[in-house]
Amino acid sequence: MKKSVKTVEVFNAYNILSTAKFDKLPDTIKVSVWKIARQLKPVAQGFGDMSRDCAEKMQPTEDFPERLRRWQKYNQLKEDGKPTIDVMSTAEHDAFSQEFQKYNKLVNEAMKESAESKVELNFEPISEDGLMKLAESNDWTLGQIVAVGDLICE
C-alpha cells in the first residue's frame, strides 16, 4: 500500500514503535511492524535531528538551557507540593514562562514546513486486530494507538 503522510506523523509513530515490545505478537505481525518501522526510521531520525538543531539555534540566550532546567525543576516541585523558593522566585518563573512560550512558538514556526511536508511510504499495512495486539503488548494509551494506527493500518 502506498501512503502519503506528514513527516511529523511519521516521527510520532516511529517514536512509539521504536520502544514497542513485540514478544507477545504472532510472527507475521512482528515482521510486518518491523518492516514498517524500518521505513519510518530514516524519516523520523532526520526530522528529530532537525528539530534538535532548530531548538538549539533558536535559544534566546546562552544561559537558556540552565534557566529552562531550573524552570522545569520549579514546576515539578510545585506539582509535588514542595517549596520552590530555592530554585527561582515566582517573578523569575513567570518571566521565564513568557520567554519560553515565545521560544516555543518560534521553534514551532521554524519547523512547521518540515513537519507538514509529505513523505511517500510503501508498505503492507497491518489489520486493526494486529494493531490491538500490538497495543495490548505495550499498554499504550488511546493517543498512542491512534498515532500508530493512523499510519500503519489499512
N, C-alpha and C. Protein backbone atom coordinates (compact mmCIF):
# COMPACT_ATOMS: atom_id res chain seq x y z
N MET A 1 0.84 -1.17 0.00
CA MET A 1 0.00 0.00 0.00
C MET A 1 0.89 1.24 0.00
N LYS A 2 0.60 2.17 -0.87
CA LYS A 2 1.31 3.45 -0.89
C LYS A 2 0.51 4.44 -0.07
N LYS A 3 1.24 5.25 0.69
CA LYS A 3 0.58 6.20 1.57
C LYS A 3 1.42 7.46 1.64
N SER A 4 0.75 8.61 1.56
CA SER A 4 1.41 9.90 1.69
C SER A 4 1.02 10.47 3.05
N VAL A 5 2.02 10.71 3.90
CA VAL A 5 1.75 11.18 5.26
C VAL A 5 2.68 12.32 5.63
N LYS A 6 2.29 13.08 6.63
CA LYS A 6 3.11 14.17 7.12
C LYS A 6 4.32 13.63 7.87
N THR A 7 5.42 14.34 7.73
CA THR A 7 6.67 13.95 8.40
C THR A 7 6.47 13.85 9.91
N VAL A 8 5.75 14.78 10.49
CA VAL A 8 5.55 14.77 11.94
C VAL A 8 4.76 13.52 12.38
N GLU A 9 3.87 13.03 11.53
CA GLU A 9 3.13 11.80 11.86
C GLU A 9 4.07 10.60 11.85
N VAL A 10 4.99 10.59 10.90
CA VAL A 10 6.00 9.52 10.86
C VAL A 10 6.86 9.59 12.12
N PHE A 11 7.28 10.78 12.47
CA PHE A 11 8.12 10.99 13.66
C PHE A 11 7.43 10.47 14.91
N ASN A 12 6.17 10.85 15.09
CA ASN A 12 5.42 10.44 16.29
C ASN A 12 5.21 8.93 16.32
N ALA A 13 4.80 8.36 15.20
CA ALA A 13 4.55 6.91 15.16
C ALA A 13 5.85 6.13 15.38
N TYR A 14 6.93 6.57 14.75
CA TYR A 14 8.20 5.86 14.90
C TYR A 14 8.67 5.90 16.35
N ASN A 15 8.53 7.04 17.00
CA ASN A 15 8.97 7.14 18.40
C ASN A 15 8.19 6.17 19.30
N ILE A 16 6.95 5.92 18.97
CA ILE A 16 6.17 4.94 19.73
C ILE A 16 6.62 3.53 19.37
N LEU A 17 6.73 3.26 18.08
CA LEU A 17 7.11 1.91 17.64
C LEU A 17 8.54 1.53 18.03
N SER A 18 9.42 2.51 18.10
CA SER A 18 10.83 2.19 18.38
C SER A 18 11.04 1.60 19.77
N THR A 19 10.09 1.83 20.66
CA THR A 19 10.20 1.27 22.01
C THR A 19 9.19 0.14 22.25
N ALA A 20 8.47 -0.23 21.20
CA ALA A 20 7.43 -1.25 21.34
C ALA A 20 8.01 -2.63 21.62
N LYS A 21 7.25 -3.39 22.38
CA LYS A 21 7.60 -4.79 22.65
C LYS A 21 6.82 -5.64 21.65
N PHE A 22 7.49 -6.59 21.07
CA PHE A 22 6.88 -7.45 20.06
C PHE A 22 6.69 -8.89 20.56
N ASP A 23 7.17 -9.20 21.75
CA ASP A 23 7.27 -10.59 22.19
C ASP A 23 5.94 -11.34 22.24
N LYS A 24 4.81 -10.68 22.42
CA LYS A 24 3.53 -11.37 22.51
C LYS A 24 2.77 -11.41 21.18
N LEU A 25 3.40 -10.93 20.13
CA LEU A 25 2.73 -10.85 18.83
C LEU A 25 2.98 -12.10 17.99
N PRO A 26 2.02 -12.46 17.14
CA PRO A 26 2.29 -13.53 16.17
C PRO A 26 3.43 -13.10 15.24
N ASP A 27 4.17 -14.06 14.76
CA ASP A 27 5.34 -13.77 13.93
C ASP A 27 5.02 -12.90 12.71
N THR A 28 3.88 -13.13 12.08
CA THR A 28 3.54 -12.35 10.89
C THR A 28 3.38 -10.87 11.21
N ILE A 29 2.80 -10.57 12.35
CA ILE A 29 2.62 -9.16 12.75
C ILE A 29 3.97 -8.57 13.15
N LYS A 30 4.80 -9.35 13.84
CA LYS A 30 6.14 -8.88 14.20
C LYS A 30 6.90 -8.44 12.96
N VAL A 31 6.90 -9.27 11.96
CA VAL A 31 7.65 -8.99 10.73
C VAL A 31 7.08 -7.76 10.04
N SER A 32 5.76 -7.69 9.94
CA SER A 32 5.12 -6.55 9.28
C SER A 32 5.45 -5.23 9.98
N VAL A 33 5.32 -5.21 11.29
CA VAL A 33 5.59 -3.99 12.05
C VAL A 33 7.06 -3.61 11.95
N TRP A 34 7.94 -4.59 12.00
CA TRP A 34 9.37 -4.31 11.88
C TRP A 34 9.69 -3.70 10.52
N LYS A 35 9.10 -4.24 9.47
CA LYS A 35 9.33 -3.70 8.12
C LYS A 35 8.82 -2.26 8.00
N ILE A 36 7.66 -2.00 8.59
CA ILE A 36 7.12 -0.64 8.56
C ILE A 36 8.05 0.30 9.33
N ALA A 37 8.45 -0.10 10.52
CA ALA A 37 9.33 0.73 11.36
C ALA A 37 10.64 1.03 10.65
N ARG A 38 11.14 0.06 9.92
CA ARG A 38 12.39 0.24 9.17
C ARG A 38 12.24 1.36 8.13
N GLN A 39 11.07 1.48 7.52
CA GLN A 39 10.83 2.56 6.56
C GLN A 39 10.67 3.91 7.26
N LEU A 40 10.10 3.90 8.44
CA LEU A 40 9.86 5.15 9.16
C LEU A 40 11.14 5.72 9.78
N LYS A 41 12.06 4.87 10.13
CA LYS A 41 13.25 5.27 10.88
C LYS A 41 14.04 6.42 10.26
N PRO A 42 14.44 6.37 8.99
CA PRO A 42 15.26 7.48 8.46
C PRO A 42 14.51 8.81 8.43
N VAL A 43 13.22 8.75 8.16
CA VAL A 43 12.42 9.99 8.15
C VAL A 43 12.34 10.56 9.56
N ALA A 44 12.03 9.70 10.53
CA ALA A 44 11.90 10.14 11.91
C ALA A 44 13.22 10.66 12.47
N GLN A 45 14.31 9.96 12.19
CA GLN A 45 15.61 10.40 12.70
C GLN A 45 16.03 11.73 12.07
N GLY A 46 15.80 11.89 10.78
CA GLY A 46 16.14 13.15 10.12
C GLY A 46 15.35 14.31 10.70
N PHE A 47 14.06 14.10 10.91
CA PHE A 47 13.22 15.15 11.48
C PHE A 47 13.63 15.44 12.93
N GLY A 48 13.95 14.40 13.68
CA GLY A 48 14.39 14.59 15.07
C GLY A 48 15.68 15.38 15.14
N ASP A 49 16.63 15.06 14.27
CA ASP A 49 17.90 15.79 14.24
C ASP A 49 17.67 17.26 13.90
N MET A 50 16.80 17.49 12.91
CA MET A 50 16.50 18.85 12.50
C MET A 50 15.80 19.62 13.65
N SER A 51 14.90 18.96 14.34
CA SER A 51 14.18 19.60 15.46
C SER A 51 15.15 19.98 16.58
N ARG A 52 16.05 19.07 16.92
CA ARG A 52 17.03 19.37 17.97
C ARG A 52 17.94 20.53 17.57
N ASP A 53 18.38 20.53 16.32
CA ASP A 53 19.23 21.61 15.82
C ASP A 53 18.47 22.94 15.86
N CYS A 54 17.25 22.92 15.42
CA CYS A 54 16.43 24.14 15.42
C CYS A 54 16.24 24.65 16.86
N ALA A 55 15.89 23.74 17.76
CA ALA A 55 15.66 24.13 19.15
C ALA A 55 16.92 24.74 19.77
N GLU A 56 18.06 24.20 19.42
CA GLU A 56 19.32 24.73 19.94
C GLU A 56 19.62 26.11 19.36
N LYS A 57 19.45 26.26 18.05
CA LYS A 57 19.79 27.51 17.37
C LYS A 57 18.83 28.65 17.75
N MET A 58 17.61 28.34 18.11
CA MET A 58 16.61 29.36 18.42
C MET A 58 16.65 29.83 19.87
N GLN A 59 17.51 29.24 20.68
CA GLN A 59 17.59 29.65 22.08
C GLN A 59 17.92 31.14 22.17
N PRO A 60 17.16 31.88 22.96
CA PRO A 60 17.34 33.34 23.00
C PRO A 60 18.61 33.82 23.70
N THR A 61 19.12 33.03 24.62
CA THR A 61 20.32 33.42 25.34
C THR A 61 21.19 32.20 25.59
N GLU A 62 22.45 32.47 25.92
CA GLU A 62 23.39 31.38 26.17
C GLU A 62 23.03 30.57 27.41
N ASP A 63 22.44 31.24 28.41
CA ASP A 63 22.10 30.56 29.65
C ASP A 63 20.68 29.96 29.63
N PHE A 64 20.05 29.98 28.49
CA PHE A 64 18.68 29.48 28.36
C PHE A 64 18.53 28.03 28.85
N PRO A 65 19.42 27.10 28.45
CA PRO A 65 19.26 25.71 28.91
C PRO A 65 19.27 25.58 30.45
N GLU A 66 20.13 26.35 31.10
CA GLU A 66 20.19 26.29 32.57
C GLU A 66 18.92 26.87 33.19
N ARG A 67 18.45 28.00 32.66
CA ARG A 67 17.21 28.58 33.18
C ARG A 67 16.02 27.67 32.90
N LEU A 68 16.02 27.00 31.77
CA LEU A 68 14.96 26.04 31.45
C LEU A 68 14.97 24.88 32.44
N ARG A 69 16.15 24.38 32.77
CA ARG A 69 16.27 23.30 33.74
C ARG A 69 15.70 23.73 35.10
N ARG A 70 16.06 24.94 35.53
CA ARG A 70 15.55 25.45 36.81
C ARG A 70 14.04 25.65 36.77
N TRP A 71 13.53 26.15 35.64
CA TRP A 71 12.09 26.37 35.47
C TRP A 71 11.34 25.04 35.56
N GLN A 72 11.88 24.00 34.91
CA GLN A 72 11.26 22.68 34.95
C GLN A 72 11.29 22.10 36.37
N LYS A 73 12.41 22.32 37.06
CA LYS A 73 12.52 21.85 38.45
C LYS A 73 11.50 22.56 39.33
N TYR A 74 11.36 23.86 39.14
CA TYR A 74 10.37 24.65 39.88
C TYR A 74 8.98 24.07 39.66
N ASN A 75 8.63 23.81 38.40
CA ASN A 75 7.31 23.27 38.07
C ASN A 75 7.08 21.91 38.72
N GLN A 76 8.10 21.07 38.72
CA GLN A 76 7.98 19.75 39.33
C GLN A 76 7.80 19.86 40.84
N LEU A 77 8.60 20.71 41.47
CA LEU A 77 8.47 20.89 42.91
C LEU A 77 7.08 21.42 43.27
N LYS A 78 6.60 22.39 42.51
CA LYS A 78 5.28 22.95 42.77
C LYS A 78 4.20 21.88 42.62
N GLU A 79 4.33 21.06 41.58
CA GLU A 79 3.36 19.97 41.36
C GLU A 79 3.39 18.97 42.51
N ASP A 80 4.58 18.74 43.07
CA ASP A 80 4.74 17.81 44.19
C ASP A 80 4.38 18.45 45.53
N GLY A 81 4.03 19.74 45.53
CA GLY A 81 3.67 20.43 46.76
C GLY A 81 4.85 20.76 47.64
N LYS A 82 6.03 20.92 47.05
CA LYS A 82 7.25 21.21 47.81
C LYS A 82 7.65 22.66 47.60
N PRO A 83 8.48 23.19 48.51
CA PRO A 83 8.94 24.58 48.37
C PRO A 83 9.75 24.80 47.09
N THR A 84 9.54 25.96 46.48
CA THR A 84 10.20 26.27 45.20
C THR A 84 11.18 27.43 45.31
N ILE A 85 11.22 28.10 46.42
CA ILE A 85 11.99 29.34 46.58
C ILE A 85 13.48 29.15 46.32
N ASP A 86 14.03 27.97 46.62
CA ASP A 86 15.46 27.73 46.40
C ASP A 86 15.81 27.59 44.92
N VAL A 87 14.82 27.34 44.08
CA VAL A 87 15.06 27.12 42.66
C VAL A 87 15.01 28.44 41.90
N MET A 88 13.92 29.19 42.08
CA MET A 88 13.76 30.51 41.47
C MET A 88 12.56 31.20 42.10
N SER A 89 12.54 32.51 42.01
CA SER A 89 11.41 33.26 42.56
C SER A 89 10.20 33.11 41.65
N THR A 90 9.04 33.43 42.18
CA THR A 90 7.81 33.37 41.39
C THR A 90 7.89 34.35 40.22
N ALA A 91 8.44 35.54 40.45
CA ALA A 91 8.57 36.54 39.38
C ALA A 91 9.50 36.02 38.28
N GLU A 92 10.60 35.40 38.69
CA GLU A 92 11.54 34.81 37.72
C GLU A 92 10.84 33.71 36.90
N HIS A 93 10.08 32.89 37.61
CA HIS A 93 9.35 31.80 36.95
C HIS A 93 8.36 32.35 35.94
N ASP A 94 7.61 33.36 36.33
CA ASP A 94 6.61 33.94 35.43
C ASP A 94 7.26 34.58 34.20
N ALA A 95 8.37 35.27 34.41
CA ALA A 95 9.08 35.90 33.29
C ALA A 95 9.62 34.83 32.34
N PHE A 96 10.18 33.77 32.90
CA PHE A 96 10.71 32.72 32.04
C PHE A 96 9.58 31.99 31.31
N SER A 97 8.44 31.83 31.95
CA SER A 97 7.29 31.18 31.30
C SER A 97 6.92 31.93 30.03
N GLN A 98 6.92 33.26 30.10
CA GLN A 98 6.62 34.06 28.91
C GLN A 98 7.72 33.91 27.85
N GLU A 99 8.96 33.93 28.30
CA GLU A 99 10.08 33.76 27.37
C GLU A 99 10.02 32.38 26.71
N PHE A 100 9.68 31.36 27.49
CA PHE A 100 9.61 30.00 26.95
C PHE A 100 8.48 29.88 25.92
N GLN A 101 7.37 30.52 26.17
CA GLN A 101 6.26 30.49 25.21
C GLN A 101 6.68 31.11 23.88
N LYS A 102 7.39 32.24 23.95
CA LYS A 102 7.87 32.89 22.72
C LYS A 102 8.87 31.98 21.99
N TYR A 103 9.76 31.38 22.75
CA TYR A 103 10.76 30.46 22.18
C TYR A 103 10.07 29.26 21.52
N ASN A 104 9.14 28.67 22.22
CA ASN A 104 8.42 27.51 21.70
C ASN A 104 7.67 27.85 20.42
N LYS A 105 7.05 29.02 20.38
CA LYS A 105 6.33 29.47 19.19
C LYS A 105 7.30 29.64 18.02
N LEU A 106 8.47 30.20 18.29
CA LEU A 106 9.48 30.41 17.26
C LEU A 106 9.97 29.08 16.68
N VAL A 107 10.24 28.11 17.55
CA VAL A 107 10.69 26.79 17.11
C VAL A 107 9.60 26.12 16.27
N ASN A 108 8.38 26.18 16.76
CA ASN A 108 7.27 25.57 16.01
C ASN A 108 7.09 26.23 14.64
N GLU A 109 7.23 27.53 14.60
CA GLU A 109 7.11 28.25 13.33
C GLU A 109 8.22 27.83 12.37
N ALA A 110 9.43 27.70 12.89
CA ALA A 110 10.57 27.32 12.05
C ALA A 110 10.43 25.88 11.54
N MET A 111 9.83 25.01 12.33
CA MET A 111 9.72 23.60 11.98
C MET A 111 8.43 23.24 11.23
N LYS A 112 7.50 24.18 11.15
CA LYS A 112 6.18 23.88 10.59
C LYS A 112 6.25 23.31 9.18
N GLU A 113 7.00 23.93 8.31
CA GLU A 113 7.06 23.48 6.92
C GLU A 113 7.59 22.05 6.84
N SER A 114 8.63 21.76 7.59
CA SER A 114 9.20 20.41 7.59
C SER A 114 8.23 19.40 8.21
N ALA A 115 7.58 19.79 9.28
CA ALA A 115 6.64 18.90 9.95
C ALA A 115 5.45 18.55 9.06
N GLU A 116 4.99 19.53 8.30
CA GLU A 116 3.81 19.35 7.45
C GLU A 116 4.14 18.73 6.09
N SER A 117 5.43 18.67 5.73
CA SER A 117 5.80 18.13 4.43
C SER A 117 5.40 16.65 4.36
N LYS A 118 5.05 16.22 3.18
CA LYS A 118 4.58 14.85 2.98
C LYS A 118 5.73 13.94 2.56
N VAL A 119 5.67 12.71 3.03
CA VAL A 119 6.59 11.67 2.61
C VAL A 119 5.77 10.51 2.06
N GLU A 120 6.32 9.85 1.08
CA GLU A 120 5.65 8.71 0.47
C GLU A 120 6.18 7.42 1.11
N LEU A 121 5.27 6.60 1.57
CA LEU A 121 5.62 5.31 2.15
C LEU A 121 4.98 4.21 1.32
N ASN A 122 5.62 3.07 1.29
CA ASN A 122 5.07 1.93 0.56
C ASN A 122 5.31 0.69 1.42
N PHE A 123 4.25 0.18 2.03
CA PHE A 123 4.37 -0.98 2.92
C PHE A 123 3.06 -1.75 2.96
N GLU A 124 3.15 -2.94 3.51
CA GLU A 124 1.96 -3.75 3.73
C GLU A 124 1.39 -3.37 5.09
N PRO A 125 0.20 -2.80 5.12
CA PRO A 125 -0.38 -2.37 6.40
C PRO A 125 -0.77 -3.58 7.26
N ILE A 126 -0.93 -3.34 8.54
CA ILE A 126 -1.42 -4.41 9.41
C ILE A 126 -2.91 -4.18 9.64
N SER A 127 -3.57 -5.19 10.11
CA SER A 127 -5.01 -5.09 10.38
C SER A 127 -5.24 -4.36 11.71
N GLU A 128 -6.47 -3.96 11.94
CA GLU A 128 -6.81 -3.33 13.22
C GLU A 128 -6.63 -4.33 14.35
N ASP A 129 -6.91 -5.60 14.08
CA ASP A 129 -6.70 -6.64 15.08
C ASP A 129 -5.21 -6.72 15.44
N GLY A 130 -4.36 -6.64 14.44
CA GLY A 130 -2.91 -6.64 14.68
C GLY A 130 -2.48 -5.44 15.50
N LEU A 131 -3.08 -4.29 15.19
CA LEU A 131 -2.78 -3.08 15.95
C LEU A 131 -3.19 -3.26 17.41
N MET A 132 -4.35 -3.83 17.65
CA MET A 132 -4.82 -4.03 19.02
C MET A 132 -3.91 -4.99 19.79
N LYS A 133 -3.42 -6.02 19.12
CA LYS A 133 -2.47 -6.95 19.76
C LYS A 133 -1.18 -6.23 20.10
N LEU A 134 -0.72 -5.39 19.19
CA LEU A 134 0.48 -4.60 19.43
C LEU A 134 0.27 -3.65 20.61
N ALA A 135 -0.87 -2.99 20.63
CA ALA A 135 -1.18 -2.05 21.71
C ALA A 135 -1.27 -2.76 23.06
N GLU A 136 -1.91 -3.91 23.09
CA GLU A 136 -2.03 -4.68 24.33
C GLU A 136 -0.66 -5.12 24.85
N SER A 137 0.23 -5.46 23.94
CA SER A 137 1.57 -5.90 24.33
C SER A 137 2.36 -4.76 24.95
N ASN A 138 1.93 -3.53 24.69
CA ASN A 138 2.70 -2.36 25.12
C ASN A 138 1.98 -1.45 26.08
N ASP A 139 0.76 -1.76 26.44
CA ASP A 139 0.00 -0.95 27.38
C ASP A 139 -0.06 0.51 26.92
N TRP A 140 -0.39 0.71 25.63
CA TRP A 140 -0.43 2.04 25.04
C TRP A 140 -1.69 2.80 25.45
N THR A 141 -1.57 4.11 25.43
CA THR A 141 -2.73 4.98 25.64
C THR A 141 -3.52 5.05 24.34
N LEU A 142 -4.71 5.61 24.41
CA LEU A 142 -5.52 5.78 23.21
C LEU A 142 -4.79 6.67 22.20
N GLY A 143 -4.14 7.71 22.67
CA GLY A 143 -3.39 8.61 21.78
C GLY A 143 -2.29 7.88 21.03
N GLN A 144 -1.60 6.99 21.70
CA GLN A 144 -0.53 6.22 21.05
C GLN A 144 -1.11 5.25 20.03
N ILE A 145 -2.22 4.62 20.37
CA ILE A 145 -2.87 3.68 19.44
C ILE A 145 -3.30 4.42 18.18
N VAL A 146 -3.89 5.59 18.34
CA VAL A 146 -4.36 6.37 17.19
C VAL A 146 -3.18 6.83 16.34
N ALA A 147 -2.12 7.32 16.98
CA ALA A 147 -0.94 7.82 16.24
C ALA A 147 -0.32 6.72 15.39
N VAL A 148 -0.20 5.54 15.95
CA VAL A 148 0.38 4.42 15.21
C VAL A 148 -0.63 3.87 14.20
N GLY A 149 -1.86 3.67 14.65
CA GLY A 149 -2.88 3.08 13.79
C GLY A 149 -3.18 3.88 12.55
N ASP A 150 -3.23 5.20 12.68
CA ASP A 150 -3.50 6.04 11.51
C ASP A 150 -2.43 5.86 10.45
N LEU A 151 -1.25 5.51 10.88
CA LEU A 151 -0.15 5.38 9.93
C LEU A 151 0.00 3.97 9.37
N ILE A 152 -0.12 2.95 10.22
CA ILE A 152 0.25 1.60 9.77
C ILE A 152 -0.91 0.67 9.46
N CYS A 153 -2.13 1.09 9.72
CA CYS A 153 -3.28 0.24 9.42
C CYS A 153 -3.89 0.57 8.06
N GLU A 154 -4.67 -0.36 7.56
CA GLU A 154 -5.34 -0.19 6.26
C GLU A 154 -6.33 0.95 6.29
